[in-house]
């Protein structure tokens, strides 16, 4: 992953480019939520299930969900 940073919700400025990065799922964390989950990292931490407001402009990583039965065929 690239440390792409994110867009500040208030000012619209790019923030922490080169020092933080991650991506979000295309689905909200819960029905009607403005947040989505995805991995996030910086120089000292990796959080595989972080949640961010989608308005931050964080890249979206589309991943298709496959049911376990698919692998048992």
PDB file of N, CA and C in Angstrom:
ATOM      1  N   UNK A   1       0.833  -1.185   0.000  1.00  0.00           N
ATOM      2  CA  UNK A   1       0.000   0.000   0.000  1.00  0.00           C
ATOM      3  C   UNK A   1       0.874   1.242   0.000  1.00  0.00           C
ATOM      4  N   UNK A   2       0.344   2.268  -0.577  1.00  0.00           N
ATOM      5  CA  UNK A   2       1.030   3.548  -0.634  1.00  0.00           C
ATOM      6  C   UNK A   2       0.517   4.441   0.494  1.00  0.00           C
ATOM      7  N   UNK A   3       1.401   5.196   1.122  1.00  0.00           N
ATOM      8  CA  UNK A   3       1.006   6.128   2.174  1.00  0.00           C
ATOM      9  C   UNK A   3       0.384   7.358   1.528  1.00  0.00           C
ATOM     10  N   UNK A   4      -0.870   7.206   1.118  1.00  0.00           N
ATOM     11  CA  UNK A   4      -1.538   8.234   0.329  1.00  0.00           C
ATOM     12  C   UNK A   4      -2.084   9.385   1.147  1.00  0.00           C
ATOM     13  N   UNK A   5      -2.141   9.242   2.473  1.00  0.00           N
ATOM     14  CA  UNK A   5      -2.736  10.272   3.301  1.00  0.00           C
ATOM     15  C   UNK A   5      -4.246  10.285   3.133  1.00  0.00           C
ATOM     16  N   UNK A   6      -4.848  11.436   3.419  1.00  0.00           N
ATOM     17  CA  UNK A   6      -6.300  11.559   3.281  1.00  0.00           C
ATOM     18  C   UNK A   6      -6.678  13.023   3.164  1.00  0.00           C
ATOM     19  N   UNK A   7      -7.919  13.281   2.770  1.00  0.00           N
ATOM     20  CA  UNK A   7      -8.417  14.647   2.647  1.00  0.00           C
ATOM     21  C   UNK A   7      -9.034  15.087   3.963  1.00  0.00           C
ATOM     22  N   UNK A   8      -8.659  16.252   4.461  1.00  0.00           N
ATOM     23  CA  UNK A   8      -9.227  16.793   5.684  1.00  0.00           C
ATOM     24  C   UNK A   8     -10.687  17.148   5.440  1.00  0.00           C
ATOM     25  N   UNK A   9     -11.586  16.667   6.306  1.00  0.00           N
ATOM     26  CA  UNK A   9     -13.013  16.910   6.134  1.00  0.00           C
ATOM     27  C   UNK A   9     -13.379  18.386   6.179  1.00  0.00           C
ATOM     28  N   UNK A  10     -12.703  19.152   7.001  1.00  0.00           N
ATOM     29  CA  UNK A  10     -13.044  20.560   7.188  1.00  0.00           C
ATOM     30  C   UNK A  10     -12.458  21.450   6.098  1.00  0.00           C
ATOM     31  N   UNK A  11     -11.158  21.312   5.852  1.00  0.00           N
ATOM     32  CA  UNK A  11     -10.483  22.215   4.916  1.00  0.00           C
ATOM     33  C   UNK A  11     -10.389  21.672   3.493  1.00  0.00           C
ATOM     34  N   UNK A  12     -10.487  20.350   3.328  1.00  0.00           N
ATOM     35  CA  UNK A  12     -10.325  19.739   2.017  1.00  0.00           C
ATOM     36  C   UNK A  12      -8.870  19.525   1.630  1.00  0.00           C
ATOM     37  N   UNK A  13      -7.941  19.947   2.489  1.00  0.00           N
ATOM     38  CA  UNK A  13      -6.508  19.816   2.202  1.00  0.00           C
ATOM     39  C   UNK A  13      -6.047  18.374   2.353  1.00  0.00           C
ATOM     40  N   UNK A  14      -5.089  17.970   1.523  1.00  0.00           N
ATOM     41  CA  UNK A  14      -4.488  16.657   1.691  1.00  0.00           C
ATOM     42  C   UNK A  14      -3.653  16.653   2.968  1.00  0.00           C
ATOM     43  N   UNK A  15      -3.772  15.593   3.755  1.00  0.00           N
ATOM     44  CA  UNK A  15      -3.141  15.517   5.059  1.00  0.00           C
ATOM     45  C   UNK A  15      -2.329  14.236   5.190  1.00  0.00           C
ATOM     46  N   UNK A  16      -1.166  14.330   5.789  1.00  0.00           N
ATOM     47  CA  UNK A  16      -0.301  13.178   6.100  1.00  0.00           C
ATOM     48  C   UNK A  16       0.098  12.346   4.884  1.00  0.00           C
ATOM     49  N   UNK A  17       0.226  12.986   3.732  1.00  0.00           N
ATOM     50  CA  UNK A  17       0.691  12.288   2.534  1.00  0.00           C
ATOM     51  C   UNK A  17       2.117  11.827   2.774  1.00  0.00           C
ATOM     52  N   UNK A  18       2.392  10.573   2.524  1.00  0.00           N
ATOM     53  CA  UNK A  18       3.721  10.009   2.715  1.00  0.00           C
ATOM     54  C   UNK A  18       3.965   9.448   4.097  1.00  0.00           C
ATOM     55  N   UNK A  19       3.072   9.702   5.057  1.00  0.00           N
ATOM     56  CA  UNK A  19       3.274   9.191   6.411  1.00  0.00           C
ATOM     57  C   UNK A  19       2.173   8.245   6.873  1.00  0.00           C
ATOM     58  N   UNK A  20       0.984   8.317   6.268  1.00  0.00           N
ATOM     59  CA  UNK A  20      -0.118   7.425   6.619  1.00  0.00           C
ATOM     60  C   UNK A  20      -0.806   6.971   5.344  1.00  0.00           C
ATOM     61  N   UNK A  21      -1.460   5.846   5.418  1.00  0.00           N
ATOM     62  CA  UNK A  21      -2.186   5.389   4.246  1.00  0.00           C
ATOM     63  C   UNK A  21      -3.075   4.209   4.565  1.00  0.00           C
ATOM     64  N   UNK A  22      -3.877   3.871   3.610  1.00  0.00           N
ATOM     65  CA  UNK A  22      -4.781   2.750   3.759  1.00  0.00           C
ATOM     66  C   UNK A  22      -5.817   2.785   2.669  1.00  0.00           C
ATOM     67  N   UNK A  23      -6.853   2.019   2.861  1.00  0.00           N
ATOM     68  CA  UNK A  23      -7.965   2.010   1.929  1.00  0.00           C
ATOM     69  C   UNK A  23      -9.214   1.590   2.690  1.00  0.00           C
ATOM     70  N   UNK A  24     -10.353   1.836   2.090  1.00  0.00           N
ATOM     71  CA  UNK A  24     -11.621   1.501   2.722  1.00  0.00           C
ATOM     72  C   UNK A  24     -12.395   0.543   1.845  1.00  0.00           C
ATOM     73  N   UNK A  25     -13.324  -0.176   2.471  1.00  0.00           N
ATOM     74  CA  UNK A  25     -14.231  -0.994   1.693  1.00  0.00           C
ATOM     75  C   UNK A  25     -15.226  -0.068   1.013  1.00  0.00           C
ATOM     76  N   UNK A  26     -15.903  -0.551   0.007  1.00  0.00           N
ATOM     77  CA  UNK A  26     -16.902   0.266  -0.677  1.00  0.00           C
ATOM     78  C   UNK A  26     -18.218   0.285   0.082  1.00  0.00           C
ATOM     79  N   UNK A  27     -18.350  -0.545   1.107  1.00  0.00           N
ATOM     80  CA  UNK A  27     -19.580  -0.632   1.895  1.00  0.00           C
ATOM     81  C   UNK A  27     -19.438   0.127   3.202  1.00  0.00           C
ATOM     82  N   UNK A  28     -20.525   0.746   3.674  1.00  0.00           N
ATOM     83  CA  UNK A  28     -20.455   1.417   4.976  1.00  0.00           C
ATOM     84  C   UNK A  28     -20.258   0.412   6.108  1.00  0.00           C
ATOM     85  N   UNK A  29     -19.751   0.895   7.245  1.00  0.00           N
ATOM     86  CA  UNK A  29     -19.538   0.024   8.408  1.00  0.00           C
ATOM     87  C   UNK A  29     -20.852  -0.552   8.928  1.00  0.00           C
ATOM     88  N   UNK A  30     -21.920   0.218   8.826  1.00  0.00           N
ATOM     89  CA  UNK A  30     -23.262  -0.215   9.240  1.00  0.00           C
ATOM     90  C   UNK A  30     -24.263   0.500   8.341  1.00  0.00           C
ATOM     91  N   UNK A  31     -25.469   0.012   8.285  1.00  0.00           N
ATOM     92  CA  UNK A  31     -26.496   0.617   7.443  1.00  0.00           C
ATOM     93  C   UNK A  31     -26.666   2.096   7.789  1.00  0.00           C
ATOM     94  N   UNK A  32     -26.598   2.950   6.788  1.00  0.00           N
ATOM     95  CA  UNK A  32     -26.766   4.384   6.981  1.00  0.00           C
ATOM     96  C   UNK A  32     -25.569   5.107   7.565  1.00  0.00           C
ATOM     97  N   UNK A  33     -24.465   4.413   7.772  1.00  0.00           N
ATOM     98  CA  UNK A  33     -23.283   5.007   8.394  1.00  0.00           C
ATOM     99  C   UNK A  33     -22.454   5.791   7.379  1.00  0.00           C
ATOM    100  N   UNK A  34     -21.756   6.833   7.846  1.00  0.00           N
ATOM    101  CA  UNK A  34     -20.835   7.585   6.992  1.00  0.00           C
ATOM    102  C   UNK A  34     -19.426   7.013   7.084  1.00  0.00           C
ATOM    103  N   UNK A  35     -19.234   5.955   7.869  1.00  0.00           N
ATOM    104  CA  UNK A  35     -17.918   5.342   8.008  1.00  0.00           C
ATOM    105  C   UNK A  35     -17.842   4.038   7.239  1.00  0.00           C
ATOM    106  N   UNK A  36     -16.621   3.652   6.888  1.00  0.00           N
ATOM    107  CA  UNK A  36     -16.341   2.379   6.251  1.00  0.00           C
ATOM    108  C   UNK A  36     -15.068   1.823   6.871  1.00  0.00           C
ATOM    109  N   UNK A  37     -14.897   0.520   6.800  1.00  0.00           N
ATOM    110  CA  UNK A  37     -13.744  -0.136   7.418  1.00  0.00           C
ATOM    111  C   UNK A  37     -12.702  -0.515   6.376  1.00  0.00           C
ATOM    112  N   UNK A  38     -11.471  -0.621   6.844  1.00  0.00           N
ATOM    113  CA  UNK A  38     -10.391  -1.061   5.982  1.00  0.00           C
ATOM    114  C   UNK A  38      -9.064  -0.952   6.706  1.00  0.00           C
ATOM    115  N   UNK A  39      -8.013  -1.497   6.126  1.00  0.00           N
ATOM    116  CA  UNK A  39      -6.700  -1.429   6.775  1.00  0.00           C
ATOM    117  C   UNK A  39      -6.144  -0.013   6.749  1.00  0.00           C
ATOM    118  N   UNK A  40      -5.374   0.328   7.778  1.00  0.00           N
ATOM    119  CA  UNK A  40      -4.746   1.646   7.888  1.00  0.00           C
ATOM    120  C   UNK A  40      -3.366   1.475   8.502  1.00  0.00           C
ATOM    121  N   UNK A  41      -2.394   2.236   8.058  1.00  0.00           N
ATOM    122  CA  UNK A  41      -1.052   2.089   8.612  1.00  0.00           C
ATOM    123  C   UNK A  41      -0.342   3.437   8.676  1.00  0.00           C
ATOM    124  N   UNK A  42       0.650   3.485   9.551  1.00  0.00           N
ATOM    125  CA  UNK A  42       1.608   4.595   9.603  1.00  0.00           C
ATOM    126  C   UNK A  42       2.944   3.989   9.987  1.00  0.00           C
ATOM    127  N   UNK A  43       3.928   4.799  10.300  1.00  0.00           N
ATOM    128  CA  UNK A  43       5.274   4.276  10.545  1.00  0.00           C
ATOM    129  C   UNK A  43       5.361   3.359  11.764  1.00  0.00           C
ATOM    130  N   UNK A  44       4.431   3.447  12.708  1.00  0.00           N
ATOM    131  CA  UNK A  44       4.517   2.631  13.913  1.00  0.00           C
ATOM    132  C   UNK A  44       3.354   1.706  14.167  1.00  0.00           C
ATOM    133  N   UNK A  45       2.387   1.620  13.243  1.00  0.00           N
ATOM    134  CA  UNK A  45       1.179   0.855  13.527  1.00  0.00           C
ATOM    135  C   UNK A  45       0.509   0.380  12.245  1.00  0.00           C
ATOM    136  N   UNK A  46      -0.070  -0.811  12.325  1.00  0.00           N
ATOM    137  CA  UNK A  46      -0.931  -1.320  11.258  1.00  0.00           C
ATOM    138  C   UNK A  46      -2.221  -1.777  11.913  1.00  0.00           C
ATOM    139  N   UNK A  47      -3.323  -1.249  11.452  1.00  0.00           N
ATOM    140  CA  UNK A  47      -4.635  -1.623  11.968  1.00  0.00           C
ATOM    141  C   UNK A  47      -5.453  -2.197  10.814  1.00  0.00           C
ATOM    142  N   UNK A  48      -5.672  -3.519  10.783  1.00  0.00           N
ATOM    143  CA  UNK A  48      -6.359  -4.125   9.646  1.00  0.00           C
ATOM    144  C   UNK A  48      -7.857  -3.831   9.579  1.00  0.00           C
ATOM    145  N   UNK A  49      -8.470  -3.365  10.671  1.00  0.00           N
ATOM    146  CA  UNK A  49      -9.912  -3.135  10.678  1.00  0.00           C
ATOM    147  C   UNK A  49     -10.257  -1.735  11.175  1.00  0.00           C
ATOM    148  N   UNK A  50      -9.565  -0.745  10.670  1.00  0.00           N
ATOM    149  CA  UNK A  50      -9.819   0.628  11.080  1.00  0.00           C
ATOM    150  C   UNK A  50     -11.112   1.125  10.436  1.00  0.00           C
ATOM    151  N   UNK A  51     -11.714   2.154  11.010  1.00  0.00           N
ATOM    152  CA  UNK A  51     -12.937   2.734  10.474  1.00  0.00           C
ATOM    153  C   UNK A  51     -12.741   4.232  10.313  1.00  0.00           C
ATOM    154  N   UNK A  52     -13.071   4.748   9.135  1.00  0.00           N
ATOM    155  CA  UNK A  52     -12.903   6.174   8.835  1.00  0.00           C
ATOM    156  C   UNK A  52     -14.168   6.718   8.188  1.00  0.00           C
ATOM    157  N   UNK A  53     -14.380   8.004   8.357  1.00  0.00           N
ATOM    158  CA  UNK A  53     -15.457   8.689   7.664  1.00  0.00           C
ATOM    159  C   UNK A  53     -15.133   8.658   6.169  1.00  0.00           C
ATOM    160  N   UNK A  54     -16.087   8.248   5.350  1.00  0.00           N
ATOM    161  CA  UNK A  54     -15.838   8.145   3.913  1.00  0.00           C
ATOM    162  C   UNK A  54     -15.598   9.503   3.262  1.00  0.00           C
ATOM    163  N   UNK A  55     -15.971  10.592   3.923  1.00  0.00           N
ATOM    164  CA  UNK A  55     -15.735  11.937   3.411  1.00  0.00           C
ATOM    165  C   UNK A  55     -14.270  12.343   3.402  1.00  0.00           C
ATOM    166  N   UNK A  56     -13.403  11.550   4.026  1.00  0.00           N
ATOM    167  CA  UNK A  56     -11.965  11.853   4.023  1.00  0.00           C
ATOM    168  C   UNK A  56     -11.319  11.594   2.661  1.00  0.00           C
ATOM    169  N   UNK A  57     -12.044  10.999   1.739  1.00  0.00           N
ATOM    170  CA  UNK A  57     -11.487  10.769   0.414  1.00  0.00           C
ATOM    171  C   UNK A  57     -10.406   9.712   0.374  1.00  0.00           C
ATOM    172  N   UNK A  58     -10.482   8.729   1.254  1.00  0.00           N
ATOM    173  CA  UNK A  58      -9.508   7.641   1.298  1.00  0.00           C
ATOM    174  C   UNK A  58      -9.790   6.681   0.137  1.00  0.00           C
ATOM    175  N   UNK A  59      -8.760   6.162  -0.524  1.00  0.00           N
ATOM    176  CA  UNK A  59      -8.983   5.254  -1.646  1.00  0.00           C
ATOM    177  C   UNK A  59      -9.877   4.070  -1.258  1.00  0.00           C
ATOM    178  N   UNK A  60     -10.684   3.628  -2.205  1.00  0.00           N
ATOM    179  CA  UNK A  60     -11.580   2.485  -1.990  1.00  0.00           C
ATOM    180  C   UNK A  60     -10.979   1.269  -2.654  1.00  0.00           C
ATOM    181  N   UNK A  61     -10.970   0.172  -1.930  1.00  0.00           N
ATOM    182  CA  UNK A  61     -10.472  -1.097  -2.456  1.00  0.00           C
ATOM    183  C   UNK A  61     -11.656  -2.043  -2.580  1.00  0.00           C
ATOM    184  N   UNK A  62     -12.058  -2.374  -3.783  1.00  0.00           N
ATOM    185  CA  UNK A  62     -13.204  -3.252  -3.998  1.00  0.00           C
ATOM    186  C   UNK A  62     -12.757  -4.707  -3.904  1.00  0.00           C
ATOM    187  N   UNK A  63     -13.369  -5.439  -3.002  1.00  0.00           N
ATOM    188  CA  UNK A  63     -13.055  -6.841  -2.799  1.00  0.00           C
ATOM    189  C   UNK A  63     -14.367  -7.616  -2.805  1.00  0.00           C
ATOM    190  N   UNK A  64     -14.437  -8.641  -3.619  1.00  0.00           N
ATOM    191  CA  UNK A  64     -15.656  -9.429  -3.696  1.00  0.00           C
ATOM    192  C   UNK A  64     -15.671 -10.459  -2.579  1.00  0.00           C
ATOM    193  N   UNK A  65     -16.797 -10.569  -1.899  1.00  0.00           N
ATOM    194  CA  UNK A  65     -16.979 -11.555  -0.837  1.00  0.00           C
ATOM    195  C   UNK A  65     -17.331 -12.891  -1.469  1.00  0.00           C
ATOM    196  N   UNK A  66     -16.611 -13.937  -1.115  1.00  0.00           N
ATOM    197  CA  UNK A  66     -16.889 -15.282  -1.606  1.00  0.00           C
ATOM    198  C   UNK A  66     -17.314 -16.160  -0.443  1.00  0.00           C
ATOM    199  N   UNK A  67     -18.418 -16.860  -0.607  1.00  0.00           N
ATOM    200  CA  UNK A  67     -18.902 -17.736   0.458  1.00  0.00           C
ATOM    201  C   UNK A  67     -17.988 -18.947   0.595  1.00  0.00           C
ATOM    202  N   UNK A  68     -17.905 -19.477   1.804  1.00  0.00           N
ATOM    203  CA  UNK A  68     -17.048 -20.626   2.091  1.00  0.00           C
ATOM    204  C   UNK A  68     -17.426 -21.833   1.227  1.00  0.00           C
ATOM    205  N   UNK A  69     -18.700 -21.983   0.890  1.00  0.00           N
ATOM    206  CA  UNK A  69     -19.146 -23.122   0.088  1.00  0.00           C
ATOM    207  C   UNK A  69     -18.457 -23.129  -1.281  1.00  0.00           C
ATOM    208  N   UNK A  70     -18.107 -21.966  -1.796  1.00  0.00           N
ATOM    209  CA  UNK A  70     -17.424 -21.861  -3.077  1.00  0.00           C
ATOM    210  C   UNK A  70     -16.111 -22.647  -3.051  1.00  0.00           C
ATOM    211  N   UNK A  71     -15.410 -22.601  -1.936  1.00  0.00           N
ATOM    212  CA  UNK A  71     -14.110 -23.277  -1.826  1.00  0.00           C
ATOM    213  C   UNK A  71     -14.236 -24.760  -1.553  1.00  0.00           C
ATOM    214  N   UNK A  72     -15.425 -25.221  -1.191  1.00  0.00           N
ATOM    215  CA  UNK A  72     -15.626 -26.644  -0.875  1.00  0.00           C
ATOM    216  C   UNK A  72     -16.122 -27.441  -2.048  1.00  0.00           C
ATOM    217  N   UNK A  73     -16.292 -26.832  -3.205  1.00  0.00           N
ATOM    218  CA  UNK A  73     -16.813 -27.554  -4.375  1.00  0.00           C
ATOM    219  C   UNK A  73     -15.746 -28.381  -5.036  1.00  0.00           C
TER     220      UNK A  73
END
